[in-house]
Amino acid sequence: QVQLVESGGGLVQAGESLRLSCVASGSIFSFNAMAWYRQAPGKERELVVHIPSSGMINYIYSVKGRFTITRDNAKNTVYLHMNSLKPEDTGVYYCYAAKRDGSDYWGRGTQVTVSS
């Protein structure tokens, strides 16, 4: 059973930075794609960034130029570097992974709160 564990959330002021981590229980090479989603209070969960095993990384427009996703294969970890945070970035951030066989997995999330 694959487990994804997020960490790195917290309370910051607008303009500050955070780095979220998602550690997988197995090799991230086994995933066809990974992604970060977020869910703001009272809103639906939305895709923030999608990183396929090959191909282009896709960011939603509102985070382009501020957020960067990276991966450390040796540590089975995917990071979300978030700069110039805005209050509208507030939410629970979830790590997601999908395998080629169609199975997919979610972490439990980490809270990010950006104060104005």
Protein backbone atom coordinates (compact mmCIF):
# COMPACT_ATOMS: atom_id res chain seq x y z
CA GLN A 1 0.00 0.00 0.00
CA VAL A 2 1.42 3.31 -1.08
CA GLN A 3 1.50 6.12 1.45
CA LEU A 4 2.10 9.78 0.75
CA VAL A 5 2.99 12.04 3.66
CA GLU A 6 3.01 15.80 3.29
CA SER A 7 4.78 18.25 5.56
CA GLY A 8 6.02 21.81 5.56
CA GLY A 9 2.81 23.75 5.89
CA GLY A 10 2.38 26.58 8.33
CA LEU A 11 1.29 30.13 8.98
CA VAL A 12 3.17 32.81 7.07
CA GLN A 13 2.65 36.42 6.05
CA ALA A 14 1.95 37.50 2.51
CA GLY A 15 5.13 37.64 0.47
CA GLU A 16 6.89 34.93 2.42
CA SER A 17 7.84 31.44 1.27
CA LEU A 18 7.23 27.83 2.23
CA ARG A 19 8.49 24.50 0.96
CA LEU A 20 6.11 21.57 1.10
CA SER A 21 7.39 18.01 0.99
CA CYS A 22 5.64 14.83 -0.08
CA VAL A 23 7.41 11.63 0.88
CA ALA A 24 6.26 8.42 -0.81
CA SER A 25 6.54 5.04 0.89
CA GLY A 26 7.96 3.55 -2.29
CA SER A 27 9.94 4.66 -5.27
CA ILE A 28 8.44 7.63 -7.07
CA PHE A 29 9.63 6.01 -10.29
CA SER A 30 6.61 3.73 -9.91
CA PHE A 31 4.28 6.67 -10.44
CA ASN A 32 3.14 7.76 -13.86
CA ALA A 33 2.38 11.21 -12.50
CA MET A 34 2.40 13.19 -9.31
CA ALA A 35 0.66 16.40 -8.42
CA TRP A 36 -0.14 18.92 -5.74
CA TYR A 37 -3.74 19.92 -5.13
CA ARG A 38 -5.16 22.42 -2.68
CA GLN A 39 -8.51 23.05 -1.11
CA ALA A 40 -9.45 26.43 0.26
CA PRO A 41 -12.19 26.76 2.89
CA GLY A 42 -15.59 26.41 1.28
CA LYS A 43 -14.14 25.60 -2.14
CA GLU A 44 -13.53 22.51 -4.18
CA ARG A 45 -10.15 20.88 -4.36
CA GLU A 46 -8.13 22.24 -7.28
CA LEU A 47 -5.04 21.11 -9.11
CA VAL A 48 -2.02 23.32 -8.45
CA VAL A 49 0.69 21.58 -10.42
CA HIS A 50 1.02 18.31 -12.28
CA ILE A 51 4.34 16.60 -12.96
CA PRO A 52 4.21 13.59 -15.30
CA SER A 53 6.96 10.97 -15.43
CA SER A 54 7.84 12.47 -18.79
CA GLY A 55 6.65 15.60 -20.49
CA MET A 56 5.85 19.09 -19.40
CA ILE A 57 5.07 20.26 -15.92
CA ASN A 58 1.77 22.11 -15.76
CA TYR A 59 1.01 24.86 -13.26
CA ILE A 60 -2.27 26.64 -12.80
CA TYR A 61 -2.10 30.23 -13.97
CA SER A 62 -2.39 31.77 -10.51
CA VAL A 63 0.84 30.17 -9.26
CA LYS A 64 3.00 30.40 -12.36
CA GLY A 65 6.25 32.15 -11.63
CA ARG A 66 5.76 31.77 -7.86
CA PHE A 67 5.56 28.01 -7.28
CA THR A 68 8.04 25.38 -8.43
CA ILE A 69 7.77 21.62 -8.17
CA THR A 70 10.91 19.54 -7.87
CA ARG A 71 11.62 15.90 -7.15
CA ASP A 72 14.39 14.03 -5.36
CA ASN A 73 14.22 10.48 -6.66
CA ALA A 74 16.78 9.22 -4.16
CA LYS A 75 14.57 10.40 -1.30
CA ASN A 76 11.27 9.43 -2.95
CA THR A 77 10.20 13.00 -2.35
CA VAL A 78 8.46 15.70 -4.32
CA TYR A 79 8.68 19.29 -3.18
CA LEU A 80 6.52 22.32 -3.79
CA HIS A 81 8.49 25.53 -3.41
CA MET A 82 6.07 28.39 -2.84
CA ASN A 83 7.32 31.95 -3.06
CA SER A 84 5.57 35.31 -2.84
CA LEU A 85 2.66 33.70 -1.07
CA LYS A 86 -0.71 35.41 -1.16
CA PRO A 87 -3.72 35.09 1.15
CA GLU A 88 -5.58 33.36 -1.69
CA ASP A 89 -2.98 30.56 -1.53
CA THR A 90 -4.42 29.56 1.85
CA GLY A 91 -5.73 26.02 2.00
CA VAL A 92 -4.93 22.42 2.66
CA TYR A 93 -2.34 21.14 0.20
CA TYR A 94 -2.52 17.52 -0.85
CA CYS A 95 -0.02 15.33 -2.60
CA TYR A 96 -1.36 13.00 -5.29
CA ALA A 97 0.22 10.15 -7.22
CA ALA A 98 -1.02 7.87 -9.95
CA LYS A 99 0.36 4.63 -11.30
CA ARG A 100 0.15 3.31 -14.83
CA ASP A 101 -2.27 0.60 -13.72
CA GLY A 102 -4.84 3.26 -12.87
CA SER A 103 -4.44 3.19 -9.12
CA ASP A 104 -4.03 6.52 -7.41
CA TYR A 105 -3.18 7.79 -3.97
CA TRP A 106 -3.66 10.85 -1.79
CA GLY A 107 -1.84 12.18 1.21
CA ARG A 108 -3.70 13.57 4.19
CA GLY A 109 -2.71 17.13 3.46
CA THR A 110 -0.82 19.94 5.11
CA GLN A 111 -2.34 23.30 6.05
CA VAL A 112 -0.98 26.49 4.54
CA THR A 113 -2.26 29.77 5.91
CA VAL A 114 -1.15 33.09 4.47
CA SER A 115 -2.08 36.20 6.41
CA SER A 116 -2.37 39.60 4.80
